[in-house]
């Protein structure tokens, strides 16, 4: 199989999603594809109004620690692009969703950005097998130390 001919969606289905599920992410209630970040502006013309679809913004994937607690975004790109090609987009989407973690991937591995780090090394490359579990990401958050925020996973 020539990976470079696969679409972004194929890369996600064959490489990214399996890596997340292997790490313990549940596809039914923790991984959300095409997650809406911004509804887009409403354009009014005369008596009709409709949403400008060019201004609607979606993250390729949003990861939720538990219901209503988003924790990361994942930006998928075609295999012919570099692993880091979606990094800036993922960072922007993480800021819009107000989450500390973002991932970019072309199916070869992940560029993981942890905005909570204070040592200056915010990004690192991970293999597909190194994708962090929900519990691992939760422990990385400074807010995870706050018992009022939420309980650790069981």
N, C-alpha and C. Protein backbone atom coordinates (compact mmCIF):
# COMPACT_ATOMS: atom_id res chain seq x y z
N UNK A 1 0.85 -1.18 0.00
CA UNK A 1 0.00 0.00 0.00
C UNK A 1 0.89 1.24 0.00
N UNK A 2 0.62 2.15 -0.91
CA UNK A 2 1.35 3.40 -0.97
C UNK A 2 0.65 4.40 -0.06
N UNK A 3 1.25 4.62 1.09
CA UNK A 3 0.67 5.50 2.11
C UNK A 3 0.47 6.93 1.59
N UNK A 4 1.34 7.37 0.69
CA UNK A 4 1.25 8.74 0.18
C UNK A 4 0.00 9.00 -0.65
N UNK A 5 -0.65 7.95 -1.11
CA UNK A 5 -1.87 8.13 -1.90
C UNK A 5 -3.13 8.11 -1.04
N UNK A 6 -2.97 7.87 0.26
CA UNK A 6 -4.12 7.83 1.16
C UNK A 6 -4.60 9.24 1.50
N UNK A 7 -5.90 9.38 1.68
CA UNK A 7 -6.47 10.67 2.07
C UNK A 7 -6.23 10.91 3.56
N UNK A 8 -6.49 12.13 3.98
CA UNK A 8 -6.39 12.47 5.40
C UNK A 8 -7.30 11.56 6.23
N UNK A 9 -8.49 11.30 5.74
CA UNK A 9 -9.44 10.43 6.43
C UNK A 9 -8.92 9.00 6.52
N UNK A 10 -8.29 8.51 5.45
CA UNK A 10 -7.71 7.17 5.48
C UNK A 10 -6.57 7.08 6.50
N UNK A 11 -5.75 8.11 6.56
CA UNK A 11 -4.64 8.15 7.52
C UNK A 11 -5.20 8.05 8.94
N UNK A 12 -6.27 8.79 9.18
CA UNK A 12 -6.89 8.75 10.50
C UNK A 12 -7.41 7.35 10.80
N UNK A 13 -8.18 6.79 9.88
CA UNK A 13 -8.81 5.47 10.11
C UNK A 13 -7.81 4.34 10.26
N UNK A 14 -6.71 4.39 9.50
CA UNK A 14 -5.77 3.27 9.48
C UNK A 14 -4.61 3.41 10.46
N UNK A 15 -4.28 4.64 10.89
CA UNK A 15 -3.10 4.83 11.72
C UNK A 15 -3.37 5.60 13.02
N UNK A 16 -4.04 6.76 12.90
CA UNK A 16 -4.19 7.63 14.07
C UNK A 16 -5.21 7.07 15.07
N UNK A 17 -6.40 6.75 14.60
CA UNK A 17 -7.43 6.23 15.51
C UNK A 17 -6.99 4.93 16.19
N UNK A 18 -6.41 3.96 15.45
CA UNK A 18 -5.93 2.75 16.12
C UNK A 18 -4.88 3.04 17.21
N UNK A 19 -4.00 4.03 16.98
CA UNK A 19 -3.00 4.39 17.99
C UNK A 19 -3.67 4.95 19.24
N UNK A 20 -4.70 5.78 19.05
CA UNK A 20 -5.41 6.34 20.20
C UNK A 20 -6.16 5.25 20.96
N UNK A 21 -6.81 4.37 20.24
CA UNK A 21 -7.57 3.30 20.89
C UNK A 21 -6.63 2.32 21.61
N UNK A 22 -5.49 2.05 21.03
CA UNK A 22 -4.51 1.18 21.68
C UNK A 22 -4.03 1.79 23.00
N UNK A 23 -3.99 3.11 23.05
CA UNK A 23 -3.57 3.82 24.27
C UNK A 23 -4.69 3.90 25.30
N UNK A 24 -5.89 3.44 24.95
CA UNK A 24 -6.97 3.41 25.93
C UNK A 24 -8.09 4.42 25.71
N UNK A 25 -8.04 5.14 24.60
CA UNK A 25 -9.11 6.10 24.31
C UNK A 25 -10.32 5.37 23.75
N UNK A 26 -11.49 5.69 24.25
CA UNK A 26 -12.74 5.06 23.83
C UNK A 26 -13.32 5.85 22.66
N UNK A 27 -13.52 5.18 21.55
CA UNK A 27 -14.04 5.83 20.36
C UNK A 27 -15.48 6.29 20.47
N UNK A 28 -16.21 5.77 21.44
CA UNK A 28 -17.63 6.13 21.58
C UNK A 28 -17.84 7.40 22.39
N UNK A 29 -17.03 7.63 23.42
CA UNK A 29 -17.31 8.79 24.27
C UNK A 29 -16.08 9.63 24.62
N UNK A 30 -14.95 9.37 23.97
CA UNK A 30 -13.77 10.19 24.24
C UNK A 30 -13.14 10.78 22.98
N UNK A 31 -13.41 10.20 21.84
CA UNK A 31 -12.85 10.67 20.57
C UNK A 31 -13.99 11.21 19.70
N UNK A 32 -13.93 12.50 19.36
CA UNK A 32 -14.97 13.13 18.56
C UNK A 32 -14.36 13.69 17.29
N UNK A 33 -14.82 13.17 16.15
CA UNK A 33 -14.33 13.62 14.85
C UNK A 33 -15.09 14.86 14.40
N UNK A 34 -14.38 15.72 13.67
CA UNK A 34 -14.96 16.95 13.14
C UNK A 34 -15.68 17.74 14.23
N UNK A 35 -14.96 17.99 15.31
CA UNK A 35 -15.53 18.65 16.47
C UNK A 35 -15.64 20.16 16.20
N UNK A 36 -16.85 20.72 16.34
CA UNK A 36 -17.04 22.14 16.03
C UNK A 36 -16.37 23.05 17.07
N UNK A 37 -15.58 23.99 16.58
CA UNK A 37 -14.91 24.96 17.45
C UNK A 37 -15.52 26.35 17.34
N UNK A 38 -15.97 26.67 16.14
CA UNK A 38 -16.56 27.98 15.91
C UNK A 38 -17.66 27.81 14.88
N UNK A 39 -18.82 28.32 15.19
CA UNK A 39 -19.98 28.13 14.32
C UNK A 39 -19.88 28.90 13.01
N UNK A 40 -19.11 29.95 12.98
CA UNK A 40 -19.02 30.74 11.76
C UNK A 40 -19.98 31.92 11.82
N UNK A 41 -19.71 32.89 10.99
CA UNK A 41 -20.53 34.10 11.04
C UNK A 41 -21.84 33.90 10.29
N UNK A 42 -22.82 34.68 10.68
CA UNK A 42 -24.13 34.64 10.03
C UNK A 42 -24.18 35.81 9.04
N UNK A 43 -24.54 35.49 7.82
CA UNK A 43 -24.64 36.51 6.77
C UNK A 43 -26.12 36.77 6.51
N UNK A 44 -26.51 38.04 6.63
CA UNK A 44 -27.90 38.43 6.43
C UNK A 44 -28.00 39.14 5.08
N UNK A 45 -28.92 38.63 4.28
CA UNK A 45 -29.20 39.25 2.97
C UNK A 45 -30.70 39.43 2.88
N UNK A 46 -31.12 40.66 2.96
CA UNK A 46 -32.56 40.93 2.92
C UNK A 46 -33.24 40.31 4.13
N UNK A 47 -34.21 39.43 3.88
CA UNK A 47 -34.95 38.80 4.97
C UNK A 47 -34.42 37.41 5.30
N UNK A 48 -33.37 36.99 4.65
CA UNK A 48 -32.83 35.65 4.95
C UNK A 48 -31.45 35.75 5.58
N UNK A 49 -31.16 34.79 6.40
CA UNK A 49 -29.87 34.71 7.06
C UNK A 49 -29.37 33.28 6.98
N UNK A 50 -28.10 33.14 6.72
CA UNK A 50 -27.53 31.80 6.74
C UNK A 50 -26.07 31.89 7.17
N UNK A 51 -25.60 30.75 7.68
CA UNK A 51 -24.24 30.68 8.19
C UNK A 51 -23.26 30.56 7.03
N UNK A 52 -22.21 31.35 7.08
CA UNK A 52 -21.15 31.30 6.07
C UNK A 52 -20.29 30.08 6.36
N UNK A 53 -20.42 29.04 5.55
CA UNK A 53 -19.72 27.78 5.77
C UNK A 53 -18.20 27.93 5.67
N UNK A 54 -17.73 29.00 5.02
CA UNK A 54 -16.29 29.23 4.92
C UNK A 54 -15.67 29.69 6.24
N UNK A 55 -16.50 30.10 7.19
CA UNK A 55 -15.97 30.57 8.47
C UNK A 55 -16.23 29.59 9.61
N UNK A 56 -16.85 28.45 9.31
CA UNK A 56 -17.07 27.41 10.32
C UNK A 56 -15.72 26.72 10.56
N UNK A 57 -15.42 26.44 11.82
CA UNK A 57 -14.13 25.84 12.16
C UNK A 57 -14.34 24.54 12.92
N UNK A 58 -13.68 23.48 12.47
CA UNK A 58 -13.76 22.17 13.09
C UNK A 58 -12.35 21.65 13.39
N UNK A 59 -12.18 21.03 14.54
CA UNK A 59 -10.95 20.28 14.82
C UNK A 59 -11.13 18.91 14.20
N UNK A 60 -10.08 18.35 13.62
CA UNK A 60 -10.20 17.01 13.06
C UNK A 60 -10.72 16.06 14.14
N UNK A 61 -10.11 16.15 15.32
CA UNK A 61 -10.53 15.28 16.43
C UNK A 61 -10.32 16.00 17.75
N UNK A 62 -11.32 15.90 18.62
CA UNK A 62 -11.21 16.41 19.98
C UNK A 62 -11.24 15.20 20.90
N UNK A 63 -10.36 15.21 21.89
CA UNK A 63 -10.30 14.12 22.86
C UNK A 63 -10.85 14.63 24.19
N UNK A 64 -11.73 13.85 24.77
CA UNK A 64 -12.36 14.21 26.04
C UNK A 64 -11.92 13.23 27.12
N UNK A 65 -11.50 13.77 28.26
CA UNK A 65 -11.13 12.92 29.38
C UNK A 65 -12.35 12.18 29.89
N UNK A 66 -13.43 12.94 30.08
CA UNK A 66 -14.74 12.39 30.41
C UNK A 66 -15.76 13.37 29.87
N UNK A 67 -17.06 13.05 29.90
CA UNK A 67 -18.05 13.95 29.30
C UNK A 67 -17.89 15.40 29.76
N UNK A 68 -17.92 16.30 28.81
CA UNK A 68 -17.83 17.74 29.03
C UNK A 68 -16.46 18.21 29.54
N UNK A 69 -15.44 17.34 29.47
CA UNK A 69 -14.09 17.75 29.87
C UNK A 69 -13.12 17.46 28.72
N UNK A 70 -13.02 18.42 27.77
CA UNK A 70 -12.07 18.24 26.67
C UNK A 70 -10.64 18.35 27.21
N UNK A 71 -9.72 17.62 26.58
CA UNK A 71 -8.34 17.64 27.07
C UNK A 71 -7.31 17.84 25.96
N UNK A 72 -7.66 17.50 24.71
CA UNK A 72 -6.68 17.61 23.62
C UNK A 72 -7.37 17.68 22.27
N UNK A 73 -6.62 18.15 21.28
CA UNK A 73 -7.07 18.10 19.89
C UNK A 73 -6.02 17.36 19.08
N UNK A 74 -6.48 16.73 18.00
CA UNK A 74 -5.60 16.00 17.09
C UNK A 74 -5.86 16.52 15.68
N UNK A 75 -4.81 16.94 15.02
CA UNK A 75 -4.91 17.41 13.64
C UNK A 75 -4.24 16.38 12.73
N UNK A 76 -5.00 15.85 11.79
CA UNK A 76 -4.49 14.84 10.87
C UNK A 76 -4.13 15.48 9.54
N UNK A 77 -3.05 15.00 8.95
CA UNK A 77 -2.62 15.46 7.63
C UNK A 77 -2.31 14.26 6.76
N UNK A 78 -2.24 14.49 5.47
CA UNK A 78 -1.89 13.42 4.53
C UNK A 78 -0.46 12.95 4.78
N UNK A 79 -0.20 11.69 4.43
CA UNK A 79 1.11 11.09 4.67
C UNK A 79 2.23 11.79 3.90
N UNK A 80 1.93 12.39 2.78
CA UNK A 80 2.98 13.03 1.99
C UNK A 80 3.49 14.31 2.65
N UNK A 81 2.76 14.82 3.65
CA UNK A 81 3.21 15.99 4.41
C UNK A 81 4.03 15.53 5.61
N UNK A 82 4.77 16.44 6.20
CA UNK A 82 5.57 16.08 7.36
C UNK A 82 4.66 15.86 8.58
N UNK A 83 5.19 15.16 9.56
CA UNK A 83 4.44 14.89 10.77
C UNK A 83 4.03 16.20 11.46
N UNK A 84 4.85 17.22 11.32
CA UNK A 84 4.59 18.48 12.00
C UNK A 84 3.75 19.47 11.18
N UNK A 85 3.31 19.07 10.00
CA UNK A 85 2.59 19.99 9.11
C UNK A 85 1.34 20.60 9.76
N UNK A 86 0.67 19.87 10.62
CA UNK A 86 -0.54 20.38 11.25
C UNK A 86 -0.35 20.95 12.63
N UNK A 87 0.90 21.14 13.05
CA UNK A 87 1.18 21.57 14.42
C UNK A 87 0.57 22.93 14.75
N UNK A 88 0.80 23.93 13.91
CA UNK A 88 0.28 25.27 14.20
C UNK A 88 -1.24 25.29 14.22
N UNK A 89 -1.84 24.55 13.32
CA UNK A 89 -3.30 24.45 13.28
C UNK A 89 -3.80 23.78 14.56
N UNK A 90 -3.15 22.71 14.99
CA UNK A 90 -3.54 22.01 16.21
C UNK A 90 -3.40 22.91 17.43
N UNK A 91 -2.34 23.69 17.49
CA UNK A 91 -2.13 24.62 18.60
C UNK A 91 -3.27 25.65 18.63
N UNK A 92 -3.59 26.19 17.48
CA UNK A 92 -4.68 27.18 17.39
C UNK A 92 -6.00 26.56 17.86
N UNK A 93 -6.30 25.36 17.41
CA UNK A 93 -7.54 24.70 17.81
C UNK A 93 -7.55 24.38 19.30
N UNK A 94 -6.41 24.00 19.85
CA UNK A 94 -6.32 23.74 21.29
C UNK A 94 -6.61 25.02 22.08
N UNK A 95 -6.13 26.14 21.59
CA UNK A 95 -6.41 27.42 22.25
C UNK A 95 -7.89 27.75 22.18
N UNK A 96 -8.52 27.52 21.03
CA UNK A 96 -9.95 27.79 20.91
C UNK A 96 -10.78 26.90 21.84
N UNK A 97 -10.35 25.66 22.00
CA UNK A 97 -11.07 24.72 22.87
C UNK A 97 -10.63 24.86 24.32
N UNK A 98 -9.60 25.66 24.56
CA UNK A 98 -9.04 25.90 25.89
C UNK A 98 -8.54 24.59 26.53
N UNK A 99 -7.74 23.85 25.77
CA UNK A 99 -7.12 22.62 26.26
C UNK A 99 -5.60 22.75 26.14
N UNK A 100 -4.86 22.08 27.02
CA UNK A 100 -3.40 22.25 27.02
C UNK A 100 -2.63 21.37 26.04
N UNK A 101 -3.28 20.37 25.47
CA UNK A 101 -2.54 19.40 24.66
C UNK A 101 -3.02 19.39 23.21
N UNK A 102 -2.05 19.29 22.30
CA UNK A 102 -2.40 19.16 20.89
C UNK A 102 -1.45 18.16 20.23
N UNK A 103 -1.98 17.50 19.22
CA UNK A 103 -1.22 16.51 18.47
C UNK A 103 -1.40 16.79 16.99
N UNK A 104 -0.33 16.61 16.23
CA UNK A 104 -0.40 16.65 14.78
C UNK A 104 0.19 15.34 14.28
N UNK A 105 -0.40 14.80 13.22
CA UNK A 105 0.09 13.53 12.71
C UNK A 105 -0.16 13.38 11.23
N UNK A 106 0.75 12.67 10.58
CA UNK A 106 0.58 12.27 9.19
C UNK A 106 0.48 10.75 9.10
N UNK A 107 0.30 10.09 10.23
CA UNK A 107 0.20 8.64 10.26
C UNK A 107 1.51 7.94 10.56
N UNK A 108 2.63 8.68 10.55
CA UNK A 108 3.93 8.08 10.88
C UNK A 108 4.20 8.14 12.38
N UNK A 109 3.61 9.09 13.05
CA UNK A 109 3.81 9.33 14.48
C UNK A 109 3.07 10.60 14.83
N UNK A 110 3.41 11.18 15.96
CA UNK A 110 2.72 12.39 16.42
C UNK A 110 3.73 13.44 16.85
N UNK A 111 3.39 14.70 16.60
CA UNK A 111 4.07 15.81 17.25
C UNK A 111 3.13 16.19 18.38
N UNK A 112 3.61 16.02 19.60
CA UNK A 112 2.81 16.27 20.80
C UNK A 112 3.25 17.59 21.41
N UNK A 113 2.29 18.46 21.64
CA UNK A 113 2.58 19.75 22.29
C UNK A 113 1.87 19.80 23.62
N UNK A 114 2.66 20.05 24.65
CA UNK A 114 2.16 20.15 26.02
C UNK A 114 2.37 21.58 26.48
N UNK A 115 1.32 22.39 26.45
CA UNK A 115 1.42 23.81 26.79
C UNK A 115 1.58 24.04 28.28
N UNK A 116 1.53 23.00 29.10
CA UNK A 116 1.67 23.17 30.55
C UNK A 116 3.13 23.14 30.99
N UNK A 117 4.03 22.75 30.11
CA UNK A 117 5.43 22.58 30.50
C UNK A 117 6.10 23.93 30.71
N UNK A 118 6.90 24.01 31.74
CA UNK A 118 7.60 25.24 32.07
C UNK A 118 9.09 25.17 31.72
N UNK A 119 9.55 24.03 31.22
CA UNK A 119 10.98 23.87 30.93
C UNK A 119 11.38 24.35 29.55
N UNK A 120 10.43 24.89 28.80
CA UNK A 120 10.74 25.42 27.48
C UNK A 120 10.65 24.41 26.35
N UNK A 121 10.56 23.13 26.66
CA UNK A 121 10.44 22.09 25.64
C UNK A 121 8.97 21.70 25.55
N UNK A 122 8.24 22.39 24.70
CA UNK A 122 6.80 22.19 24.62
C UNK A 122 6.40 21.06 23.68
N UNK A 123 7.26 20.77 22.70
CA UNK A 123 6.91 19.77 21.69
C UNK A 123 7.87 18.61 21.70
N UNK A 124 7.32 17.43 21.43
CA UNK A 124 8.15 16.24 21.27
C UNK A 124 7.50 15.31 20.27
N UNK A 125 8.32 14.54 19.59
CA UNK A 125 7.82 13.55 18.65
C UNK A 125 7.55 12.25 19.36
N UNK A 126 6.41 11.65 19.03
CA UNK A 126 6.02 10.36 19.60
C UNK A 126 5.79 9.38 18.45
N UNK A 127 6.08 8.11 18.70
CA UNK A 127 5.73 7.09 17.72
C UNK A 127 4.23 6.81 17.88
N UNK A 128 3.68 6.05 16.96
CA UNK A 128 2.27 5.68 17.06
C UNK A 128 2.01 4.90 18.35
N UNK A 129 2.97 4.10 18.80
CA UNK A 129 2.82 3.31 20.01
C UNK A 129 2.98 4.11 21.30
N UNK A 130 3.44 5.35 21.19
CA UNK A 130 3.68 6.17 22.39
C UNK A 130 2.55 7.15 22.68
N UNK A 131 1.44 7.05 21.96
CA UNK A 131 0.34 7.99 22.21
C UNK A 131 -0.11 7.83 23.66
N UNK A 132 -0.25 8.93 24.41
CA UNK A 132 -0.59 8.83 25.83
C UNK A 132 -2.05 8.44 26.08
N UNK A 133 -2.26 7.74 27.17
CA UNK A 133 -3.61 7.34 27.58
C UNK A 133 -4.34 8.54 28.15
N UNK A 134 -5.66 8.43 28.32
CA UNK A 134 -6.40 9.52 28.97
C UNK A 134 -5.84 9.83 30.36
N UNK A 135 -5.52 8.81 31.12
CA UNK A 135 -5.00 9.02 32.48
C UNK A 135 -3.64 9.71 32.45
N UNK A 136 -2.80 9.37 31.48
CA UNK A 136 -1.48 10.02 31.37
C UNK A 136 -1.63 11.50 31.06
N UNK A 137 -2.51 11.85 30.13
CA UNK A 137 -2.71 13.27 29.83
C UNK A 137 -3.30 14.00 31.02
N UNK A 138 -4.23 13.37 31.70
CA UNK A 138 -4.86 14.01 32.85
C UNK A 138 -3.82 14.33 33.93
N UNK A 139 -2.91 13.40 34.15
CA UNK A 139 -1.87 13.61 35.18
C UNK A 139 -0.91 14.73 34.80
N UNK A 140 -0.74 15.00 33.52
CA UNK A 140 0.16 16.07 33.08
C UNK A 140 -0.39 17.46 33.35
N UNK A 141 -1.68 17.57 33.50
CA UNK A 141 -2.31 18.88 33.71
C UNK A 141 -2.08 19.38 35.12
N UNK A 142 -1.71 20.63 35.28
CA UNK A 142 -1.61 21.19 36.63
C UNK A 142 -2.95 21.15 37.36
N UNK A 143 -4.05 21.31 36.62
CA UNK A 143 -5.38 21.30 37.23
C UNK A 143 -5.75 19.92 37.77
N UNK A 144 -5.07 18.88 37.30
CA UNK A 144 -5.39 17.53 37.77
C UNK A 144 -5.03 17.38 39.24
N UNK A 145 -4.12 18.22 39.72
CA UNK A 145 -3.75 18.17 41.13
C UNK A 145 -4.83 18.80 42.01
N UNK A 146 -5.75 19.53 41.41
CA UNK A 146 -6.82 20.19 42.15
C UNK A 146 -8.00 19.24 42.32
N UNK A 147 -8.26 18.75 43.53
CA UNK A 147 -9.34 17.79 43.73
C UNK A 147 -10.72 18.36 43.41
N UNK A 148 -10.86 19.67 43.40
CA UNK A 148 -12.15 20.27 43.09
C UNK A 148 -12.46 20.16 41.60
N UNK A 149 -11.42 20.01 40.78
CA UNK A 149 -11.63 19.97 39.33
C UNK A 149 -12.31 18.68 38.89
N UNK A 150 -11.74 17.57 39.25
CA UNK A 150 -12.33 16.27 38.88
C UNK A 150 -11.49 15.17 39.51
N UNK A 151 -12.11 14.00 39.62
CA UNK A 151 -11.41 12.85 40.18
C UNK A 151 -10.54 12.17 39.13
N UNK A 152 -9.49 11.51 39.63
CA UNK A 152 -8.66 10.70 38.74
C UNK A 152 -9.48 9.57 38.18
N UNK A 153 -9.13 9.04 37.02
CA UNK A 153 -9.89 7.92 36.45
C UNK A 153 -9.75 6.66 37.30
N UNK A 154 -10.76 5.84 37.24
CA UNK A 154 -10.71 4.59 38.01
C UNK A 154 -10.11 3.49 37.21
